[in-house]
């Protein structure tokens, strides 16, 4: 049952008609007291909750009712309804435990979609274990299975998902698994690396442009959002997005509309958003380097992807798979990993995660003197002092830090020139310098 709580009779009537036509069972009330009477009798699946019930516009009444509902019905999903100018109030509600928010006047299709996400997310979906598409994800560890269980539950919905994890942990594969197990599986899956996208190109790349929009725009160009219409867009390295671009992205996520650069024609899209990051966005929000309203919009569902070092014997399963692929690709005889070598791999920290393991296995396979890889073969491939003169594997962060330092030195600390050569915005370069403790 869906509970509508709003003191405006016209809004209650409009929402009641919308839910009735959509096949929902619902009840509409006009005050917090009436709402709590319903909640105490039957826990609603979801609540459409207005934020104000008097002449005041502070939203205190709505926030108080939100907390009361969650106290009596903690599993109930609450969708706040507020004006666009009161987004800060909605963000405060999200911090207090709301599932989502939508602005007035609302779009019926969007509202029903958000409601569907709320109702479906805790129900067992119809994708069985046998039918579940892992998208090439290998592993049987408890921590990985926990992440995949969330994928199974949220895939059938259109809820925005934020994937957190260190570099090289397979965040893109998780995003692809969500898409493959959704109703959008036959539609586009568009990947965008925001970390390598300069702020000056953001609008053109994401929303497209029309001919003549700027110097060099010789033809119309379709942006990534329009290319993903009906499907899923995967925004990797969302934490690297410039603040000015965050504002533009937030409006698109909220309204599902955009205007190509140089055009005044609004275009509507139906796109599911999946984001990924290897940084702590909560800390960035606290430091005012990431918009709080955008954070809550993209993180309706969060998936924490474990680093490889916490996945136990998944390391062996992955290593064996990488070895098989390497032998096939490089036309080598079938090879195996000895038991002592497997145990050795399980003791390694692998700061570069799955990417580092794959690189190590392939290098070792190419240089191993026999068809059985021993622990010493892995050690030789990782050692600076080995007779093979192989460099110890470096993490992506180490490589990136060295590259940034070299370019800054080349341009004598000129941030603008260094950012231009690296293909970054000034803000993104400053964030990386802070991350790696690089002085200009």
Protein backbone atom coordinates (compact mmCIF):
# COMPACT_ATOMS: atom_id res chain seq x y z
CA UNK A 1 0.00 0.00 0.00
CA UNK A 2 1.20 3.52 -0.86
CA UNK A 3 0.46 6.34 1.58
CA UNK A 4 0.01 9.89 0.26
CA UNK A 5 0.53 12.66 2.84
CA UNK A 6 -0.26 16.19 1.65
CA UNK A 7 -2.45 18.97 3.02
CA UNK A 8 -3.42 20.14 -0.49
CA UNK A 9 -6.65 18.41 -1.58
CA UNK A 10 -5.91 18.94 -5.27
CA UNK A 11 -2.53 17.25 -4.96
CA UNK A 12 -4.02 14.33 -3.03
CA UNK A 13 -6.68 13.88 -5.72
CA UNK A 14 -4.13 14.09 -8.53
CA UNK A 15 -1.77 11.56 -6.91
CA UNK A 16 -4.65 9.24 -6.03
CA UNK A 17 -5.80 9.16 -9.64
CA UNK A 18 -2.26 8.57 -10.88
CA UNK A 19 -1.69 5.65 -8.47
CA UNK A 20 -5.10 4.16 -9.21
CA UNK A 21 -4.40 4.12 -12.94
CA UNK A 22 -0.98 2.56 -12.26
CA UNK A 23 -2.62 -0.26 -10.31
CA UNK A 24 -1.42 0.66 -6.82
CA UNK A 25 -3.38 0.30 -3.59
CA UNK A 26 -3.18 3.64 -1.84
CA UNK A 27 -4.51 5.83 0.93
CA UNK A 28 -4.39 9.64 1.04
CA UNK A 29 -4.34 11.74 4.23
CA UNK A 30 -3.94 15.44 4.91
CA UNK A 31 -2.07 15.66 8.21
CA UNK A 32 0.79 14.10 10.18
CA UNK A 33 -1.63 12.76 12.81
CA UNK A 34 -3.70 10.95 10.17
CA UNK A 35 -0.51 9.62 8.58
CA UNK A 36 0.73 8.12 11.85
CA UNK A 37 -2.67 6.51 12.46
CA UNK A 38 -2.30 4.67 9.14
CA UNK A 39 1.36 3.77 9.76
CA UNK A 40 0.57 2.26 13.17
CA UNK A 41 -2.16 0.06 11.65
CA UNK A 42 -0.35 -1.08 8.50
CA UNK A 43 3.20 -0.42 7.44
CA UNK A 44 3.04 1.12 3.93
CA UNK A 45 5.46 -0.04 1.27
CA UNK A 46 6.15 3.59 0.41
CA UNK A 47 5.08 7.09 1.43
CA UNK A 48 4.76 10.15 -0.82
CA UNK A 49 5.41 12.84 1.77
CA UNK A 50 4.93 16.59 1.47
CA UNK A 51 7.34 18.66 3.55
CA UNK A 52 4.99 21.37 4.85
CA UNK A 53 1.55 21.22 6.46
CA UNK A 54 0.99 24.85 7.47
CA UNK A 55 1.82 28.33 6.26
CA UNK A 56 5.43 27.80 7.29
CA UNK A 57 7.91 26.62 4.65
CA UNK A 58 10.73 25.42 6.91
CA UNK A 59 9.92 21.75 6.33
CA UNK A 60 10.28 20.96 10.05
CA UNK A 61 6.86 19.28 10.11
CA UNK A 62 7.79 17.04 7.21
CA UNK A 63 11.16 16.11 8.71
CA UNK A 64 9.54 15.33 12.05
CA UNK A 65 6.93 13.12 10.40
CA UNK A 66 9.66 11.41 8.36
CA UNK A 67 11.50 10.42 11.53
CA UNK A 68 8.28 9.26 13.22
CA UNK A 69 7.31 7.05 10.26
CA UNK A 70 10.76 5.44 10.16
CA UNK A 71 10.60 4.83 13.91
CA UNK A 72 7.38 2.79 13.55
CA UNK A 73 8.04 1.41 10.04
CA UNK A 74 11.79 1.33 9.38
CA UNK A 75 11.38 -0.68 6.16
CA UNK A 76 9.03 1.87 4.58
CA UNK A 77 10.54 3.82 1.69
CA UNK A 78 9.76 7.54 1.91
CA UNK A 79 9.80 9.79 -1.16
CA UNK A 80 9.83 13.48 -0.30
CA UNK A 81 7.97 15.99 -2.45
CA UNK A 82 9.35 19.51 -2.49
CA UNK A 83 9.81 22.53 -4.74
CA UNK A 84 13.01 22.83 -6.81
CA UNK A 85 13.98 25.86 -4.72
CA UNK A 86 13.92 23.69 -1.58
CA UNK A 87 16.47 21.11 -2.67
CA UNK A 88 18.52 21.76 0.49
CA UNK A 89 15.48 20.71 2.50
CA UNK A 90 15.19 17.50 0.48
CA UNK A 91 18.88 16.79 1.08
CA UNK A 92 18.32 17.17 4.82
CA UNK A 93 15.48 14.67 4.49
CA UNK A 94 17.76 12.21 2.69
CA UNK A 95 20.23 12.50 5.55
CA UNK A 96 17.36 11.72 7.93
CA UNK A 97 16.58 8.48 6.07
CA UNK A 98 14.35 9.32 3.09
CA UNK A 99 14.67 6.99 0.10
CA UNK A 100 14.39 9.64 -2.63
CA UNK A 101 12.89 13.03 -3.42
CA UNK A 102 11.01 14.53 -6.33
CA UNK A 103 10.28 18.16 -7.10
CA UNK A 104 6.96 19.88 -7.65
CA UNK A 105 5.47 20.16 -10.18
CA UNK A 106 6.31 16.54 -10.84
CA UNK A 107 6.50 14.53 -14.02
CA UNK A 108 4.07 11.58 -13.75
CA UNK A 109 6.42 9.16 -15.50
CA UNK A 110 9.33 10.09 -13.23
CA UNK A 111 7.23 9.86 -10.10
CA UNK A 112 5.95 6.39 -11.01
CA UNK A 113 9.48 5.28 -11.82
CA UNK A 114 10.81 6.47 -8.46
CA UNK A 115 7.90 4.81 -6.72
CA UNK A 116 8.51 1.56 -8.61
CA UNK A 117 12.16 1.67 -7.50
CA UNK A 118 11.11 2.09 -3.88
CA UNK A 119 8.59 -0.75 -3.94
CA UNK A 120 10.74 -3.22 -5.88
CA UNK A 121 14.03 -2.71 -4.16
CA UNK A 122 13.32 -4.89 -1.13
CA UNK A 123 11.38 -7.58 -2.97
CA UNK A 124 12.85 -10.75 -4.35
CA UNK A 125 13.18 -10.20 -8.07
CA UNK A 126 12.43 -12.74 -10.78
CA UNK A 127 16.06 -13.25 -11.80
CA UNK A 128 17.06 -16.62 -10.38
CA UNK A 129 20.63 -17.59 -9.57
CA UNK A 130 20.74 -19.70 -12.73
CA UNK A 131 19.60 -16.83 -14.91
CA UNK A 132 21.75 -14.19 -13.26
CA UNK A 133 24.34 -12.80 -15.68
CA UNK A 134 27.62 -12.16 -13.85
CA UNK A 135 29.05 -10.17 -16.77
CA UNK A 136 32.35 -12.06 -16.46
CA UNK A 137 32.75 -11.45 -12.71
CA UNK A 138 34.81 -14.26 -11.15
CA UNK A 139 34.81 -15.16 -7.46
CA UNK A 140 33.00 -16.98 -4.67
CA UNK A 141 34.13 -15.04 -1.59
CA UNK A 142 31.54 -13.86 0.91
CA UNK A 143 32.34 -10.18 0.36
CA UNK A 144 31.91 -10.49 -3.41
CA UNK A 145 28.68 -12.47 -3.05
CA UNK A 146 27.32 -9.74 -0.78
CA UNK A 147 27.98 -7.15 -3.49
CA UNK A 148 26.40 -9.38 -6.17
CA UNK A 149 23.36 -9.91 -3.95
CA UNK A 150 22.76 -6.16 -4.02
CA UNK A 151 23.21 -6.23 -7.80
CA UNK A 152 20.49 -8.91 -8.05
CA UNK A 153 18.10 -6.87 -5.93
CA UNK A 154 18.56 -3.49 -7.62
CA UNK A 155 19.06 -4.57 -11.24
CA UNK A 156 15.32 -4.89 -12.05
CA UNK A 157 14.69 -1.35 -10.79
CA UNK A 158 15.79 1.96 -12.30
CA UNK A 159 17.31 3.23 -9.04
CA UNK A 160 20.57 5.18 -9.36
CA UNK A 161 23.54 3.17 -8.06
CA UNK A 162 26.88 4.38 -6.71
CA UNK A 163 29.72 1.84 -6.79
CA UNK A 164 32.64 2.49 -4.42
CA UNK A 165 35.93 0.68 -4.59
CA UNK A 166 39.66 1.01 -5.10
CA UNK A 167 41.10 1.31 -8.61
CA UNK A 168 41.19 -2.03 -10.39
CA UNK A 169 38.50 -3.78 -8.35
CA UNK A 170 36.08 -4.25 -11.26
CA UNK A 171 33.56 -1.45 -10.79
CA UNK A 172 32.81 -1.34 -14.51
CA UNK A 173 31.94 -5.05 -14.50
CA UNK A 174 29.52 -4.51 -11.61
CA UNK A 175 27.85 -1.70 -13.56
CA UNK A 176 27.59 -3.96 -16.60
CA UNK A 177 26.08 -6.75 -14.48
CA UNK A 178 23.39 -4.35 -13.26
CA UNK A 179 22.59 -3.40 -16.84
CA UNK A 180 22.58 -6.98 -18.15
CA UNK A 181 20.14 -8.11 -15.47
CA UNK A 182 17.76 -5.20 -15.93
CA UNK A 183 14.84 -4.67 -18.29
CA UNK A 184 17.17 -2.33 -20.20
CA UNK A 185 19.55 -5.14 -21.15
CA UNK A 186 18.75 -4.84 -24.88
CA UNK A 187 19.30 -1.07 -24.86
CA UNK A 188 22.63 0.83 -24.93
CA UNK A 189 25.18 0.64 -22.11
CA UNK A 190 27.22 3.84 -22.46
CA UNK A 191 30.46 4.29 -20.49
CA UNK A 192 31.93 7.70 -19.70
CA UNK A 193 35.23 8.32 -17.88
CA UNK A 194 34.63 11.67 -16.21
CA UNK A 195 38.19 11.77 -14.85
CA UNK A 196 39.57 12.32 -18.33
CA UNK A 197 36.90 14.77 -19.47
CA UNK A 198 37.89 18.47 -19.32
CA UNK A 199 35.22 20.80 -17.93
CA UNK A 200 35.27 22.81 -21.16
CA UNK A 201 34.11 19.77 -23.13
CA UNK A 202 31.60 18.46 -20.60
CA UNK A 203 28.41 19.89 -22.14
CA UNK A 204 29.32 18.97 -25.70
CA UNK A 205 30.39 15.45 -24.74
CA UNK A 206 27.47 14.68 -22.45
CA UNK A 207 24.61 16.59 -24.08
CA UNK A 208 25.83 16.99 -27.65
CA UNK A 209 25.88 20.18 -29.71
CA UNK A 210 24.33 21.66 -32.81
CA UNK A 211 26.15 22.86 -35.89
CA UNK A 212 27.74 26.25 -35.30
CA UNK A 213 27.50 26.07 -31.49
CA UNK A 214 31.19 26.93 -31.27
CA UNK A 215 34.22 27.24 -33.53
CA UNK A 216 34.83 23.87 -35.13
CA UNK A 217 31.28 22.56 -34.63
CA UNK A 218 30.75 21.71 -38.29
CA UNK A 219 27.95 19.21 -37.69
CA UNK A 220 25.35 18.28 -35.11
CA UNK A 221 26.67 15.82 -32.53
CA UNK A 222 24.71 13.46 -30.30
CA UNK A 223 25.86 13.45 -26.67
CA UNK A 224 26.37 10.50 -24.36
CA UNK A 225 23.02 10.93 -22.58
CA UNK A 226 21.07 10.84 -25.83
CA UNK A 227 23.11 7.84 -26.99
CA UNK A 228 22.10 6.02 -23.79
CA UNK A 229 18.37 6.82 -24.13
CA UNK A 230 16.33 3.82 -22.98
CA UNK A 231 19.43 2.18 -21.52
CA UNK A 232 22.09 2.80 -18.91
CA UNK A 233 24.86 5.38 -18.62
CA UNK A 234 27.90 4.53 -16.51
CA UNK A 235 29.71 7.58 -15.12
CA UNK A 236 33.13 6.45 -13.91
CA UNK A 237 35.30 8.61 -11.63
CA UNK A 238 32.33 10.78 -10.66
CA UNK A 239 34.46 12.28 -7.88
CA UNK A 240 36.67 13.99 -10.46
CA UNK A 241 33.79 16.03 -11.89
CA UNK A 242 34.25 19.79 -11.70
CA UNK A 243 31.76 21.65 -9.45
CA UNK A 244 30.40 23.67 -12.37
CA UNK A 245 29.67 20.45 -14.23
CA UNK A 246 28.07 18.88 -11.17
CA UNK A 247 25.30 21.50 -11.30
CA UNK A 248 24.54 20.67 -14.93
CA UNK A 249 24.55 16.94 -14.25
CA UNK A 250 22.23 17.30 -11.24
CA UNK A 251 19.55 19.03 -13.29
CA UNK A 252 19.63 16.31 -15.94
CA UNK A 253 19.35 13.56 -13.32
CA UNK A 254 16.46 15.35 -11.64
CA UNK A 255 14.45 16.31 -14.71
CA UNK A 256 15.66 13.70 -17.25
CA UNK A 257 15.84 16.54 -19.78
CA UNK A 258 18.69 18.50 -21.37
CA UNK A 259 19.47 20.96 -24.13
CA UNK A 260 22.30 20.32 -26.60
CA UNK A 261 24.98 23.02 -26.59
CA UNK A 262 23.86 25.87 -28.84
CA UNK A 263 20.23 24.74 -28.93
CA UNK A 264 17.15 26.00 -27.10
CA UNK A 265 15.21 22.81 -27.77
CA UNK A 266 14.68 20.66 -24.69
CA UNK A 267 15.08 16.93 -25.19
CA UNK A 268 13.67 14.26 -22.88
CA UNK A 269 15.46 11.03 -22.12
CA UNK A 270 14.91 7.83 -20.15
CA UNK A 271 18.30 6.80 -18.76
CA UNK A 272 19.39 4.79 -15.73
CA UNK A 273 22.40 6.28 -13.94
CA UNK A 274 25.22 4.19 -12.46
CA UNK A 275 28.23 6.01 -11.03
CA UNK A 276 31.57 4.78 -9.71
CA UNK A 277 34.36 6.31 -7.67
CA UNK A 278 37.52 5.34 -5.82
CA UNK A 279 37.35 8.37 -3.51
CA UNK A 280 35.24 9.05 -0.42
CA UNK A 281 32.43 11.28 -1.69
CA UNK A 282 31.11 11.88 1.83
CA UNK A 283 34.42 13.48 2.75
CA UNK A 284 34.32 15.54 -0.44
CA UNK A 285 30.80 16.71 0.46
CA UNK A 286 32.02 17.75 3.91
CA UNK A 287 34.89 19.65 2.27
CA UNK A 288 32.44 21.27 -0.20
CA UNK A 289 34.23 19.71 -3.17
CA UNK A 290 31.18 17.65 -4.15
CA UNK A 291 27.57 18.81 -4.12
CA UNK A 292 25.54 17.19 -1.36
CA UNK A 293 22.33 17.20 -3.41
CA UNK A 294 24.09 15.45 -6.28
CA UNK A 295 25.56 12.89 -3.87
CA UNK A 296 22.14 11.89 -2.58
CA UNK A 297 20.72 11.80 -6.09
CA UNK A 298 23.32 9.33 -7.40
CA UNK A 299 23.62 7.18 -4.26
CA UNK A 300 20.07 5.92 -3.76
CA UNK A 301 21.71 2.48 -3.67
CA UNK A 302 25.36 2.02 -2.73
CA UNK A 303 27.56 -0.97 -3.54
CA UNK A 304 30.92 -1.30 -1.80
CA UNK A 305 33.29 -3.38 -3.92
CA UNK A 306 35.98 -5.11 -1.82
CA UNK A 307 39.69 -4.88 -2.70
CA UNK A 308 41.30 -8.07 -3.98
CA UNK A 309 43.29 -8.60 -0.78
CA UNK A 310 40.00 -9.12 1.11
CA UNK A 311 38.64 -11.72 -1.30
CA UNK A 312 40.70 -14.69 -0.11
CA UNK A 313 40.93 -17.54 -2.59
CA UNK A 314 39.16 -15.56 -5.30
CA UNK A 315 42.74 -14.56 -6.12
CA UNK A 316 43.41 -18.15 -7.23
CA UNK A 317 40.24 -18.37 -9.34
CA UNK A 318 41.13 -15.12 -11.07
CA UNK A 319 44.77 -16.08 -11.58
CA UNK A 320 43.79 -19.41 -13.19
CA UNK A 321 41.35 -17.65 -15.50
CA UNK A 322 43.94 -15.04 -16.49
CA UNK A 323 46.49 -17.79 -17.14
CA UNK A 324 44.09 -19.68 -19.41
CA UNK A 325 43.29 -16.49 -21.35
CA UNK A 326 46.98 -15.58 -21.64
CA UNK A 327 47.95 -19.02 -22.97
CA UNK A 328 45.17 -18.90 -25.55
CA UNK A 329 45.93 -15.32 -26.61
CA UNK A 330 49.70 -15.82 -26.83
CA UNK A 331 49.48 -19.34 -28.31
CA UNK A 332 51.33 -20.97 -25.41
CA UNK A 333 51.06 -24.55 -24.20
CA UNK A 334 48.53 -25.14 -21.46
CA UNK A 335 50.03 -24.05 -18.15
CA UNK A 336 49.15 -24.54 -14.48
CA UNK A 337 49.96 -22.81 -11.20
CA UNK A 338 51.58 -24.96 -8.51
CA UNK A 339 49.94 -25.14 -5.08
CA UNK A 340 52.82 -23.28 -3.34
CA UNK A 341 52.54 -20.57 -6.03
CA UNK A 342 48.81 -20.24 -5.36
CA UNK A 343 49.46 -19.83 -1.65
CA UNK A 344 52.10 -17.22 -2.43
CA UNK A 345 49.64 -15.19 -4.50
CA UNK A 346 47.16 -15.23 -1.62
CA UNK A 347 49.75 -13.54 0.62
CA UNK A 348 50.31 -10.60 -1.73
CA UNK A 349 48.59 -7.25 -1.00
CA UNK A 350 47.94 -6.38 -4.67
CA UNK A 351 47.46 -2.60 -4.25
CA UNK A 352 46.57 -2.48 -7.96
CA UNK A 353 43.90 -5.15 -7.35
CA UNK A 354 42.62 -7.25 -10.27
CA UNK A 355 44.51 -5.23 -12.89
CA UNK A 356 47.80 -5.85 -11.09
CA UNK A 357 47.10 -9.59 -10.70
CA UNK A 358 46.24 -9.94 -14.39
CA UNK A 359 49.42 -8.13 -15.40
CA UNK A 360 51.54 -10.28 -13.10
CA UNK A 361 50.07 -13.58 -14.31
CA UNK A 362 50.48 -12.70 -17.98
CA UNK A 363 54.09 -11.53 -17.54
CA UNK A 364 54.97 -14.62 -15.54
CA UNK A 365 53.36 -16.94 -18.12
CA UNK A 366 55.39 -15.40 -20.92
CA UNK A 367 58.67 -15.75 -19.02
CA UNK A 368 58.17 -19.02 -17.13
CA UNK A 369 60.76 -21.71 -18.07
CA UNK A 370 58.21 -24.54 -17.68
CA UNK A 371 54.51 -25.24 -18.04
CA UNK A 372 54.09 -25.23 -14.25
CA UNK A 373 54.40 -21.79 -12.67
CA UNK A 374 56.14 -21.85 -9.30
CA UNK A 375 56.19 -19.30 -6.52
CA UNK A 376 59.73 -18.32 -7.50
CA UNK A 377 58.49 -17.49 -11.00
CA UNK A 378 56.04 -14.95 -9.57
CA UNK A 379 58.71 -13.59 -7.23
CA UNK A 380 61.15 -13.19 -10.11
CA UNK A 381 58.57 -11.29 -12.14
CA UNK A 382 57.94 -8.95 -9.20
CA UNK A 383 61.54 -8.38 -8.11
CA UNK A 384 63.80 -5.54 -9.16
CA UNK A 385 66.83 -7.79 -8.57
CA UNK A 386 65.67 -10.78 -10.62
CA UNK A 387 67.82 -12.08 -13.46
CA UNK A 388 64.95 -11.13 -15.74
CA UNK A 389 65.36 -7.46 -14.73
CA UNK A 390 61.62 -7.08 -14.42
CA UNK A 391 60.40 -3.98 -12.61
CA UNK A 392 58.19 -4.58 -9.59
CA UNK A 393 54.57 -3.93 -10.51
CA UNK A 394 53.51 -0.37 -9.83
CA UNK A 395 50.05 0.74 -8.89
CA UNK A 396 48.04 3.02 -11.16
CA UNK A 397 48.25 5.73 -8.49
CA UNK A 398 52.05 5.58 -8.52
CA UNK A 399 52.16 5.81 -12.30
CA UNK A 400 49.68 8.70 -12.31
CA UNK A 401 51.56 10.60 -9.59
CA UNK A 402 54.86 10.27 -11.48
CA UNK A 403 53.23 11.43 -14.71
CA UNK A 404 51.69 14.50 -13.04
CA UNK A 405 55.00 15.40 -11.35
CA UNK A 406 56.87 15.11 -14.64
CA UNK A 407 54.41 17.30 -16.54
CA UNK A 408 54.39 19.93 -13.76
CA UNK A 409 58.17 20.00 -13.81
CA UNK A 410 58.15 20.33 -17.60
CA UNK A 411 55.87 23.38 -17.38
CA UNK A 412 57.67 24.78 -14.30
CA UNK A 413 54.61 24.49 -12.09
CA UNK A 414 52.19 26.20 -14.51
CA UNK A 415 48.89 24.53 -13.57
CA UNK A 416 46.96 25.61 -16.69
CA UNK A 417 49.57 24.26 -19.12
CA UNK A 418 50.06 21.05 -17.16
CA UNK A 419 46.30 20.44 -16.97
CA UNK A 420 45.97 21.03 -20.71
CA UNK A 421 48.68 18.48 -21.53
CA UNK A 422 47.19 15.93 -19.12
CA UNK A 423 43.68 16.44 -20.53
CA UNK A 424 42.32 17.56 -17.16
CA UNK A 425 40.52 20.60 -15.82
CA UNK A 426 42.47 22.78 -13.39
CA UNK A 427 40.18 21.66 -10.57
CA UNK A 428 40.73 17.97 -11.39
CA UNK A 429 44.49 18.49 -11.49
CA UNK A 430 44.42 20.29 -8.13
CA UNK A 431 42.46 17.36 -6.64
CA UNK A 432 45.01 14.85 -7.93
CA UNK A 433 47.90 16.98 -6.63
CA UNK A 434 46.24 17.07 -3.22
CA UNK A 435 45.59 13.32 -3.36
CA UNK A 436 49.24 12.50 -4.16
CA UNK A 437 50.67 15.34 -2.02
CA UNK A 438 52.35 16.95 -5.04
CA UNK A 439 53.51 20.54 -4.66
CA UNK A 440 53.48 22.93 -7.61
